[in-house]
Amino acid sequence: MSPRPIEVPAEGLTDGVVRLRLGSDADVERITAFVQDPDVVRWTTIPPGQDAELTRGWMQRGMAGLATGTDVAFVIANAATDEPIGTIGLHEINRATERAVAGYVLAHEARGNGYARRALRLLCAFAFDDLQLARVEVTIEAENRASRATAEAVGFREEGFLRSYMRIAGERRDMLMYGLLPGDLEA
């Protein structure tokens, strides 16, 4: 199957509270600052001490992924102010198997307001409606109760325990697999 580029609406995706949009150079400093939060480093594959160059690289990989149809990386922005409050994306998009993996991060001060839930719902609707995928997955450590609650609020179902699944902050970690099908997505 030949690669199909991913088309994102110029205005991004929004529910009126959060907006998912492509990143720009103006976002680099803010994103670099919030991904250095110890909680982000603890729970994600973002490297400790990520600098502006690595943030730009993440944006460039996201743009390349749009062209090849394999990835899409969004900035989560406050819809009223357009201030970046997080990042979210679909990775490992496979049109042949109709599946992708989602990942998300919120700035410390944005947590606890339902922004991640809103952003994940928008992303999954885009995956199902625009990309015609049949499944979105997330892997989350069992102890990351906030991320598990976010996924579950969107309709993800816990499907299994993955031993030594990925390397985070220099060590192999066990993860829980969550899956979402189009009919699971909560309105």
N, C-alpha and C. Protein backbone atom coordinates (compact mmCIF):
# COMPACT_ATOMS: atom_id res chain seq x y z
N MET A 1 0.86 -1.17 0.00
CA MET A 1 0.00 0.00 0.00
C MET A 1 0.90 1.24 0.00
N SER A 2 0.70 2.12 -0.96
CA SER A 2 1.54 3.32 -1.04
C SER A 2 1.13 4.32 0.02
N PRO A 3 2.10 5.11 0.50
CA PRO A 3 1.79 6.08 1.55
C PRO A 3 0.80 7.14 1.05
N ARG A 4 -0.09 7.50 1.96
CA ARG A 4 -1.04 8.58 1.66
C ARG A 4 -0.78 9.70 2.65
N PRO A 5 -0.49 10.89 2.17
CA PRO A 5 -0.27 12.01 3.08
C PRO A 5 -1.52 12.26 3.93
N ILE A 6 -1.30 12.80 5.11
CA ILE A 6 -2.39 13.15 6.01
C ILE A 6 -2.68 14.63 5.84
N GLU A 7 -3.94 14.94 5.63
CA GLU A 7 -4.35 16.33 5.50
C GLU A 7 -5.02 16.77 6.80
N VAL A 8 -4.53 17.89 7.33
CA VAL A 8 -5.06 18.47 8.55
C VAL A 8 -5.73 19.79 8.18
N PRO A 9 -6.94 20.05 8.65
CA PRO A 9 -7.57 21.34 8.36
C PRO A 9 -6.66 22.50 8.80
N ALA A 10 -6.61 23.55 8.01
CA ALA A 10 -5.74 24.69 8.30
C ALA A 10 -5.99 25.26 9.69
N GLU A 11 -7.23 25.24 10.13
CA GLU A 11 -7.57 25.78 11.45
C GLU A 11 -7.34 24.77 12.57
N GLY A 12 -6.97 23.54 12.21
CA GLY A 12 -6.76 22.49 13.19
C GLY A 12 -8.09 21.85 13.56
N LEU A 13 -8.13 21.26 14.75
CA LEU A 13 -9.32 20.59 15.26
C LEU A 13 -9.69 21.26 16.58
N THR A 14 -10.95 21.55 16.80
CA THR A 14 -11.31 22.22 18.05
C THR A 14 -12.69 21.78 18.52
N ASP A 15 -12.86 21.87 19.83
CA ASP A 15 -14.17 21.68 20.43
C ASP A 15 -14.63 22.96 21.11
N GLY A 16 -13.91 24.06 20.86
CA GLY A 16 -14.23 25.34 21.46
C GLY A 16 -13.48 25.61 22.76
N VAL A 17 -12.93 24.56 23.37
CA VAL A 17 -12.15 24.71 24.61
C VAL A 17 -10.68 24.47 24.34
N VAL A 18 -10.38 23.38 23.61
CA VAL A 18 -9.01 23.12 23.18
C VAL A 18 -8.96 23.10 21.66
N ARG A 19 -7.78 23.38 21.16
CA ARG A 19 -7.54 23.35 19.72
C ARG A 19 -6.30 22.53 19.46
N LEU A 20 -6.39 21.57 18.56
CA LEU A 20 -5.24 20.80 18.12
C LEU A 20 -4.77 21.42 16.82
N ARG A 21 -3.52 21.86 16.81
CA ARG A 21 -2.97 22.50 15.61
C ARG A 21 -1.53 22.07 15.42
N LEU A 22 -1.04 22.29 14.23
CA LEU A 22 0.36 22.00 13.98
C LEU A 22 1.23 23.01 14.72
N GLY A 23 2.40 22.57 15.13
CA GLY A 23 3.30 23.44 15.87
C GLY A 23 4.04 24.41 14.96
N SER A 24 4.60 25.45 15.58
CA SER A 24 5.39 26.45 14.85
C SER A 24 6.60 26.82 15.69
N ASP A 25 7.51 27.57 15.10
CA ASP A 25 8.69 28.03 15.84
C ASP A 25 8.30 28.82 17.08
N ALA A 26 7.17 29.50 17.03
CA ALA A 26 6.72 30.29 18.18
C ALA A 26 6.38 29.42 19.38
N ASP A 27 6.14 28.12 19.17
CA ASP A 27 5.77 27.20 20.25
C ASP A 27 6.96 26.52 20.91
N VAL A 28 8.12 26.58 20.28
CA VAL A 28 9.27 25.78 20.72
C VAL A 28 9.66 26.06 22.17
N GLU A 29 9.78 27.31 22.54
CA GLU A 29 10.22 27.64 23.90
C GLU A 29 9.23 27.12 24.94
N ARG A 30 7.94 27.32 24.71
CA ARG A 30 6.91 26.90 25.66
C ARG A 30 6.88 25.38 25.80
N ILE A 31 6.91 24.67 24.67
CA ILE A 31 6.88 23.21 24.72
C ILE A 31 8.13 22.67 25.41
N THR A 32 9.28 23.23 25.06
CA THR A 32 10.53 22.80 25.69
C THR A 32 10.46 22.96 27.20
N ALA A 33 9.85 24.03 27.66
CA ALA A 33 9.75 24.27 29.11
C ALA A 33 8.84 23.23 29.77
N PHE A 34 7.67 22.96 29.21
CA PHE A 34 6.76 22.07 29.94
C PHE A 34 7.12 20.59 29.83
N VAL A 35 7.88 20.19 28.81
CA VAL A 35 8.25 18.78 28.74
C VAL A 35 9.42 18.45 29.67
N GLN A 36 9.99 19.44 30.31
CA GLN A 36 11.05 19.19 31.29
C GLN A 36 10.50 18.92 32.69
N ASP A 37 9.19 19.01 32.85
CA ASP A 37 8.53 18.70 34.11
C ASP A 37 8.89 17.27 34.51
N PRO A 38 9.28 17.04 35.77
CA PRO A 38 9.64 15.68 36.20
C PRO A 38 8.53 14.65 35.97
N ASP A 39 7.27 15.05 36.05
CA ASP A 39 6.18 14.11 35.79
C ASP A 39 6.14 13.69 34.32
N VAL A 40 6.45 14.61 33.42
CA VAL A 40 6.48 14.28 31.99
C VAL A 40 7.61 13.27 31.75
N VAL A 41 8.78 13.55 32.31
CA VAL A 41 9.92 12.65 32.14
C VAL A 41 9.62 11.29 32.78
N ARG A 42 8.93 11.29 33.91
CA ARG A 42 8.62 10.04 34.62
C ARG A 42 7.71 9.12 33.83
N TRP A 43 6.72 9.68 33.13
CA TRP A 43 5.68 8.86 32.51
C TRP A 43 5.79 8.72 30.99
N THR A 44 6.70 9.43 30.33
CA THR A 44 6.73 9.42 28.87
C THR A 44 8.11 9.06 28.34
N THR A 45 8.19 8.90 27.05
CA THR A 45 9.47 8.62 26.39
C THR A 45 10.22 9.90 26.04
N ILE A 46 9.69 11.06 26.41
CA ILE A 46 10.40 12.32 26.17
C ILE A 46 11.67 12.31 27.01
N PRO A 47 12.82 12.59 26.39
CA PRO A 47 14.08 12.47 27.13
C PRO A 47 14.25 13.56 28.19
N PRO A 48 14.88 13.22 29.32
CA PRO A 48 15.16 14.24 30.33
C PRO A 48 16.03 15.33 29.70
N GLY A 49 15.74 16.56 30.06
CA GLY A 49 16.55 17.68 29.55
C GLY A 49 16.33 18.00 28.09
N GLN A 50 15.16 17.67 27.56
CA GLN A 50 14.90 18.00 26.15
C GLN A 50 15.12 19.48 25.93
N ASP A 51 15.88 19.81 24.90
CA ASP A 51 16.16 21.21 24.60
C ASP A 51 15.38 21.65 23.36
N ALA A 52 15.56 22.92 22.99
CA ALA A 52 14.81 23.48 21.85
C ALA A 52 15.10 22.72 20.56
N GLU A 53 16.32 22.27 20.38
CA GLU A 53 16.67 21.53 19.17
C GLU A 53 15.88 20.22 19.07
N LEU A 54 15.75 19.52 20.19
CA LEU A 54 14.95 18.28 20.20
C LEU A 54 13.47 18.57 19.98
N THR A 55 12.98 19.68 20.53
CA THR A 55 11.58 20.06 20.30
C THR A 55 11.34 20.36 18.82
N ARG A 56 12.26 21.08 18.20
CA ARG A 56 12.15 21.34 16.76
C ARG A 56 12.19 20.03 15.97
N GLY A 57 13.04 19.10 16.39
CA GLY A 57 13.12 17.80 15.73
C GLY A 57 11.80 17.05 15.82
N TRP A 58 11.14 17.12 17.00
CA TRP A 58 9.83 16.49 17.16
C TRP A 58 8.84 17.10 16.16
N MET A 59 8.86 18.42 16.03
CA MET A 59 7.95 19.07 15.08
C MET A 59 8.27 18.66 13.64
N GLN A 60 9.54 18.59 13.31
CA GLN A 60 9.94 18.21 11.95
C GLN A 60 9.55 16.76 11.65
N ARG A 61 9.71 15.86 12.63
CA ARG A 61 9.27 14.47 12.43
C ARG A 61 7.76 14.42 12.23
N GLY A 62 7.04 15.26 12.95
CA GLY A 62 5.59 15.32 12.78
C GLY A 62 5.21 15.76 11.38
N MET A 63 5.91 16.76 10.86
CA MET A 63 5.62 17.23 9.50
C MET A 63 5.99 16.16 8.47
N ALA A 64 7.11 15.48 8.68
CA ALA A 64 7.50 14.40 7.77
C ALA A 64 6.48 13.27 7.83
N GLY A 65 5.97 12.98 9.03
CA GLY A 65 4.96 11.95 9.19
C GLY A 65 3.66 12.28 8.47
N LEU A 66 3.31 13.57 8.42
CA LEU A 66 2.13 13.99 7.64
C LEU A 66 2.33 13.65 6.17
N ALA A 67 3.52 13.93 5.67
CA ALA A 67 3.81 13.69 4.25
C ALA A 67 3.79 12.20 3.92
N THR A 68 4.27 11.36 4.83
CA THR A 68 4.32 9.92 4.56
C THR A 68 3.08 9.18 5.06
N GLY A 69 2.24 9.87 5.84
CA GLY A 69 1.02 9.25 6.35
C GLY A 69 1.23 8.37 7.55
N THR A 70 2.37 8.50 8.24
CA THR A 70 2.70 7.61 9.35
C THR A 70 2.52 8.24 10.73
N ASP A 71 2.51 9.54 10.81
CA ASP A 71 2.44 10.24 12.10
C ASP A 71 1.76 11.59 11.93
N VAL A 72 1.14 12.03 13.00
CA VAL A 72 0.65 13.40 13.06
C VAL A 72 0.89 13.90 14.48
N ALA A 73 1.53 15.05 14.59
CA ALA A 73 1.86 15.62 15.90
C ALA A 73 1.18 16.99 16.01
N PHE A 74 0.40 17.15 17.06
CA PHE A 74 -0.32 18.40 17.28
C PHE A 74 0.15 19.07 18.57
N VAL A 75 0.03 20.37 18.57
CA VAL A 75 0.10 21.15 19.80
C VAL A 75 -1.32 21.21 20.33
N ILE A 76 -1.49 20.99 21.62
CA ILE A 76 -2.78 21.23 22.27
C ILE A 76 -2.74 22.68 22.72
N ALA A 77 -3.64 23.49 22.22
CA ALA A 77 -3.66 24.91 22.57
C ALA A 77 -5.00 25.25 23.24
N ASN A 78 -4.95 26.23 24.12
CA ASN A 78 -6.17 26.80 24.68
C ASN A 78 -6.89 27.46 23.51
N ALA A 79 -8.14 27.09 23.27
CA ALA A 79 -8.86 27.60 22.10
C ALA A 79 -9.07 29.11 22.16
N ALA A 80 -9.17 29.68 23.35
CA ALA A 80 -9.40 31.12 23.48
C ALA A 80 -8.14 31.94 23.28
N THR A 81 -7.00 31.43 23.77
CA THR A 81 -5.76 32.22 23.73
C THR A 81 -4.74 31.71 22.73
N ASP A 82 -4.90 30.50 22.25
CA ASP A 82 -3.97 29.79 21.37
C ASP A 82 -2.63 29.48 22.06
N GLU A 83 -2.58 29.62 23.38
CA GLU A 83 -1.37 29.30 24.15
C GLU A 83 -1.19 27.79 24.20
N PRO A 84 0.01 27.27 23.88
CA PRO A 84 0.25 25.83 23.98
C PRO A 84 0.13 25.34 25.42
N ILE A 85 -0.65 24.28 25.61
CA ILE A 85 -0.81 23.69 26.95
C ILE A 85 -0.43 22.21 26.95
N GLY A 86 -0.06 21.67 25.78
CA GLY A 86 0.31 20.28 25.71
C GLY A 86 0.63 19.87 24.28
N THR A 87 0.91 18.58 24.13
CA THR A 87 1.12 18.00 22.81
C THR A 87 0.37 16.67 22.76
N ILE A 88 0.01 16.27 21.56
CA ILE A 88 -0.71 15.01 21.35
C ILE A 88 -0.45 14.56 19.93
N GLY A 89 -0.45 13.27 19.72
CA GLY A 89 -0.23 12.80 18.37
C GLY A 89 -0.65 11.37 18.16
N LEU A 90 -0.71 11.02 16.89
CA LEU A 90 -0.90 9.64 16.46
C LEU A 90 0.41 9.19 15.84
N HIS A 91 0.88 8.03 16.26
CA HIS A 91 2.15 7.51 15.78
C HIS A 91 1.93 6.10 15.25
N GLU A 92 2.89 5.62 14.50
CA GLU A 92 2.81 4.26 13.95
C GLU A 92 1.50 4.05 13.21
N ILE A 93 1.04 5.07 12.51
CA ILE A 93 -0.20 4.93 11.73
C ILE A 93 0.05 3.89 10.64
N ASN A 94 -0.82 2.89 10.62
CA ASN A 94 -0.69 1.81 9.65
C ASN A 94 -2.04 1.67 8.96
N ARG A 95 -2.11 2.14 7.74
CA ARG A 95 -3.38 2.09 7.01
C ARG A 95 -3.77 0.67 6.63
N ALA A 96 -2.78 -0.21 6.46
CA ALA A 96 -3.09 -1.60 6.10
C ALA A 96 -3.81 -2.31 7.25
N THR A 97 -3.36 -2.06 8.49
CA THR A 97 -4.01 -2.69 9.64
C THR A 97 -5.04 -1.77 10.28
N GLU A 98 -5.15 -0.56 9.77
CA GLU A 98 -6.13 0.44 10.22
C GLU A 98 -5.98 0.76 11.70
N ARG A 99 -4.73 0.93 12.16
CA ARG A 99 -4.50 1.23 13.57
C ARG A 99 -3.40 2.27 13.74
N ALA A 100 -3.39 2.88 14.93
CA ALA A 100 -2.36 3.86 15.29
C ALA A 100 -2.22 3.86 16.81
N VAL A 101 -1.15 4.48 17.26
CA VAL A 101 -0.87 4.64 18.69
C VAL A 101 -0.95 6.12 19.02
N ALA A 102 -1.66 6.45 20.09
CA ALA A 102 -1.78 7.85 20.52
C ALA A 102 -0.87 8.10 21.72
N GLY A 103 -0.41 9.34 21.84
CA GLY A 103 0.36 9.76 23.00
C GLY A 103 0.03 11.21 23.30
N TYR A 104 0.08 11.60 24.58
CA TYR A 104 -0.28 12.96 24.96
C TYR A 104 0.48 13.40 26.20
N VAL A 105 0.69 14.71 26.28
CA VAL A 105 1.39 15.34 27.41
C VAL A 105 0.73 16.68 27.66
N LEU A 106 0.53 17.01 28.93
CA LEU A 106 -0.01 18.33 29.29
C LEU A 106 0.98 19.06 30.18
N ALA A 107 1.02 20.39 30.03
CA ALA A 107 1.79 21.24 30.93
C ALA A 107 1.21 21.10 32.34
N HIS A 108 2.06 21.20 33.33
CA HIS A 108 1.64 21.01 34.73
C HIS A 108 0.40 21.84 35.08
N GLU A 109 0.43 23.13 34.73
CA GLU A 109 -0.68 24.02 35.13
C GLU A 109 -1.98 23.76 34.36
N ALA A 110 -1.91 22.96 33.30
CA ALA A 110 -3.12 22.65 32.52
C ALA A 110 -3.80 21.36 32.98
N ARG A 111 -3.15 20.61 33.84
CA ARG A 111 -3.70 19.32 34.27
C ARG A 111 -4.89 19.50 35.21
N GLY A 112 -5.79 18.52 35.17
CA GLY A 112 -6.94 18.52 36.06
C GLY A 112 -8.11 19.34 35.57
N ASN A 113 -8.06 19.79 34.32
CA ASN A 113 -9.13 20.62 33.76
C ASN A 113 -9.90 19.93 32.63
N GLY A 114 -9.57 18.67 32.36
CA GLY A 114 -10.24 17.95 31.29
C GLY A 114 -9.68 18.23 29.90
N TYR A 115 -8.57 18.98 29.82
CA TYR A 115 -8.01 19.32 28.50
C TYR A 115 -7.47 18.10 27.77
N ALA A 116 -6.81 17.20 28.50
CA ALA A 116 -6.26 16.00 27.86
C ALA A 116 -7.41 15.14 27.32
N ARG A 117 -8.46 14.98 28.09
CA ARG A 117 -9.63 14.20 27.65
C ARG A 117 -10.21 14.80 26.38
N ARG A 118 -10.39 16.11 26.37
CA ARG A 118 -10.94 16.79 25.20
C ARG A 118 -10.04 16.60 23.98
N ALA A 119 -8.73 16.78 24.19
CA ALA A 119 -7.78 16.65 23.09
C ALA A 119 -7.75 15.22 22.56
N LEU A 120 -7.75 14.24 23.46
CA LEU A 120 -7.72 12.84 23.03
C LEU A 120 -9.00 12.47 22.28
N ARG A 121 -10.12 12.99 22.72
CA ARG A 121 -11.39 12.74 22.01
C ARG A 121 -11.33 13.33 20.58
N LEU A 122 -10.83 14.55 20.45
CA LEU A 122 -10.69 15.18 19.12
C LEU A 122 -9.76 14.36 18.23
N LEU A 123 -8.62 13.94 18.80
CA LEU A 123 -7.64 13.18 18.04
C LEU A 123 -8.23 11.87 17.55
N CYS A 124 -8.93 11.17 18.42
CA CYS A 124 -9.50 9.87 18.04
C CYS A 124 -10.63 10.03 17.02
N ALA A 125 -11.43 11.06 17.15
CA ALA A 125 -12.47 11.32 16.14
C ALA A 125 -11.81 11.57 14.78
N PHE A 126 -10.71 12.31 14.77
CA PHE A 126 -9.96 12.55 13.54
C PHE A 126 -9.42 11.22 12.97
N ALA A 127 -8.89 10.38 13.85
CA ALA A 127 -8.36 9.08 13.41
C ALA A 127 -9.45 8.23 12.76
N PHE A 128 -10.62 8.20 13.36
CA PHE A 128 -11.70 7.37 12.84
C PHE A 128 -12.39 8.01 11.63
N ASP A 129 -12.71 9.28 11.72
CA ASP A 129 -13.49 9.94 10.67
C ASP A 129 -12.65 10.33 9.45
N ASP A 130 -11.51 10.93 9.68
CA ASP A 130 -10.70 11.45 8.58
C ASP A 130 -9.71 10.42 8.04
N LEU A 131 -9.06 9.68 8.95
CA LEU A 131 -8.05 8.71 8.52
C LEU A 131 -8.63 7.33 8.28
N GLN A 132 -9.90 7.13 8.67
CA GLN A 132 -10.59 5.86 8.46
C GLN A 132 -9.89 4.69 9.15
N LEU A 133 -9.33 4.97 10.34
CA LEU A 133 -8.72 3.91 11.13
C LEU A 133 -9.81 3.16 11.89
N ALA A 134 -9.50 1.94 12.29
CA ALA A 134 -10.46 1.10 13.01
C ALA A 134 -10.07 0.90 14.47
N ARG A 135 -8.88 1.40 14.85
CA ARG A 135 -8.39 1.17 16.21
C ARG A 135 -7.32 2.20 16.57
N VAL A 136 -7.40 2.72 17.79
CA VAL A 136 -6.36 3.57 18.34
C VAL A 136 -5.95 2.94 19.67
N GLU A 137 -4.65 2.88 19.91
CA GLU A 137 -4.11 2.29 21.13
C GLU A 137 -3.34 3.33 21.93
N VAL A 138 -3.30 3.14 23.24
CA VAL A 138 -2.38 3.87 24.11
C VAL A 138 -1.80 2.86 25.09
N THR A 139 -0.54 3.07 25.45
CA THR A 139 0.08 2.26 26.49
C THR A 139 0.40 3.18 27.65
N ILE A 140 0.04 2.74 28.85
CA ILE A 140 0.13 3.58 30.04
C ILE A 140 0.63 2.72 31.20
N GLU A 141 1.53 3.27 32.00
CA GLU A 141 1.96 2.56 33.21
C GLU A 141 0.79 2.46 34.18
N ALA A 142 0.70 1.34 34.87
CA ALA A 142 -0.41 1.11 35.80
C ALA A 142 -0.49 2.20 36.87
N GLU A 143 0.64 2.72 37.30
CA GLU A 143 0.66 3.73 38.36
C GLU A 143 0.25 5.13 37.88
N ASN A 144 0.18 5.32 36.57
CA ASN A 144 -0.18 6.64 36.03
C ASN A 144 -1.71 6.76 35.98
N ARG A 145 -2.27 6.95 37.16
CA ARG A 145 -3.73 6.97 37.30
C ARG A 145 -4.39 8.11 36.51
N ALA A 146 -3.75 9.25 36.42
CA ALA A 146 -4.34 10.38 35.68
C ALA A 146 -4.46 10.05 34.20
N SER A 147 -3.43 9.49 33.62
CA SER A 147 -3.48 9.14 32.20
C SER A 147 -4.48 8.02 31.95
N ARG A 148 -4.54 7.05 32.85
CA ARG A 148 -5.52 5.97 32.71
C ARG A 148 -6.94 6.54 32.77
N ALA A 149 -7.19 7.47 33.69
CA ALA A 149 -8.52 8.08 33.81
C ALA A 149 -8.87 8.86 32.55
N THR A 150 -7.89 9.53 31.97
CA THR A 150 -8.13 10.27 30.72
C THR A 150 -8.56 9.32 29.61
N ALA A 151 -7.79 8.25 29.42
CA ALA A 151 -8.12 7.29 28.36
C ALA A 151 -9.49 6.66 28.59
N GLU A 152 -9.76 6.27 29.82
CA GLU A 152 -11.04 5.63 30.13
C GLU A 152 -12.22 6.59 29.92
N ALA A 153 -12.03 7.88 30.24
CA ALA A 153 -13.10 8.87 30.05
C ALA A 153 -13.46 9.04 28.57
N VAL A 154 -12.51 8.79 27.69
CA VAL A 154 -12.76 8.90 26.25
C VAL A 154 -13.40 7.62 25.72
N GLY A 155 -13.27 6.53 26.44
CA GLY A 155 -13.87 5.27 26.02
C GLY A 155 -12.88 4.14 25.81
N PHE A 156 -11.58 4.40 26.00
CA PHE A 156 -10.58 3.35 25.87
C PHE A 156 -10.85 2.26 26.89
N ARG A 157 -10.57 1.03 26.49
CA ARG A 157 -10.73 -0.12 27.38
C ARG A 157 -9.37 -0.76 27.64
N GLU A 158 -9.14 -1.10 28.90
CA GLU A 158 -7.91 -1.80 29.23
C GLU A 158 -7.97 -3.20 28.63
N GLU A 159 -6.90 -3.58 27.91
CA GLU A 159 -6.92 -4.86 27.20
C GLU A 159 -5.81 -5.83 27.63
N GLY A 160 -4.79 -5.34 28.29
CA GLY A 160 -3.76 -6.28 28.67
C GLY A 160 -2.57 -5.65 29.34
N PHE A 161 -1.73 -6.50 29.89
CA PHE A 161 -0.51 -6.13 30.59
C PHE A 161 0.67 -6.51 29.71
N LEU A 162 1.54 -5.53 29.42
CA LEU A 162 2.69 -5.75 28.54
C LEU A 162 3.97 -5.66 29.38
N ARG A 163 4.61 -6.80 29.57
CA ARG A 163 5.82 -6.84 30.39
C ARG A 163 7.00 -6.24 29.66
N SER A 164 7.78 -5.42 30.38
CA SER A 164 9.00 -4.81 29.85
C SER A 164 8.78 -4.25 28.45
N TYR A 165 7.72 -3.48 28.29
CA TYR A 165 7.25 -3.06 26.96
C TYR A 165 8.08 -1.96 26.32
N MET A 166 8.51 -0.98 27.13
CA MET A 166 9.27 0.12 26.53
C MET A 166 10.24 0.71 27.54
N ARG A 167 11.18 1.46 26.99
CA ARG A 167 12.19 2.12 27.81
C ARG A 167 11.73 3.55 28.07
N ILE A 168 11.64 3.90 29.35
CA ILE A 168 11.28 5.25 29.78
C ILE A 168 12.28 5.67 30.84
N ALA A 169 12.84 6.86 30.66
CA ALA A 169 13.81 7.41 31.62
C ALA A 169 14.91 6.39 31.93
N GLY A 170 15.37 5.69 30.91
CA GLY A 170 16.51 4.80 31.05
C GLY A 170 16.23 3.40 31.56
N GLU A 171 14.97 3.05 31.79
CA GLU A 171 14.68 1.69 32.28
C GLU A 171 13.48 1.10 31.55
N ARG A 172 13.49 -0.24 31.44
CA ARG A 172 12.38 -0.95 30.82
C ARG A 172 11.19 -0.89 31.76
N ARG A 173 10.01 -0.61 31.21
CA ARG A 173 8.80 -0.48 32.03
C ARG A 173 7.70 -1.41 31.52
N ASP A 174 6.93 -1.93 32.47
CA ASP A 174 5.71 -2.65 32.15
C ASP A 174 4.64 -1.61 31.82
N MET A 175 3.74 -1.95 30.91
CA MET A 175 2.69 -1.03 30.51
C MET A 175 1.35 -1.77 30.43
N LEU A 176 0.29 -1.00 30.53
CA LEU A 176 -1.06 -1.49 30.26
C LEU A 176 -1.44 -1.06 28.85
N MET A 177 -2.03 -1.96 28.09
CA MET A 177 -2.50 -1.64 26.75
C MET A 177 -3.97 -1.26 26.83
N TYR A 178 -4.30 -0.13 26.23
CA TYR A 178 -5.69 0.31 26.10
C TYR A 178 -6.02 0.40 24.62
N GLY A 179 -7.23 0.03 24.25
CA GLY A 179 -7.67 0.12 22.87
C GLY A 179 -9.00 0.85 22.77
N LEU A 180 -9.17 1.54 21.66
CA LEU A 180 -10.41 2.27 21.38
C LEU A 180 -10.85 1.95 19.97
N LEU A 181 -12.10 1.56 19.83
CA LEU A 181 -12.72 1.32 18.53
C LEU A 181 -13.71 2.44 18.28
N PRO A 182 -14.09 2.68 17.03
CA PRO A 182 -15.00 3.80 16.76
C PRO A 182 -16.25 3.81 17.62
N GLY A 183 -16.87 2.66 17.86
CA GLY A 183 -18.08 2.60 18.66
C GLY A 183 -17.85 2.87 20.15
N ASP A 184 -16.60 2.84 20.60
CA ASP A 184 -16.27 3.09 22.00
C ASP A 184 -16.15 4.57 22.31
N LEU A 185 -15.91 5.38 21.28
CA LEU A 185 -15.62 6.79 21.49
C LEU A 185 -16.82 7.49 22.10
N GLU A 186 -16.62 8.04 23.28
CA GLU A 186 -17.69 8.75 23.99
C GLU A 186 -17.92 10.12 23.34
N ALA A 187 -19.16 10.48 23.17
CA ALA A 187 -19.50 11.78 22.56
C ALA A 187 -19.28 12.90 23.55
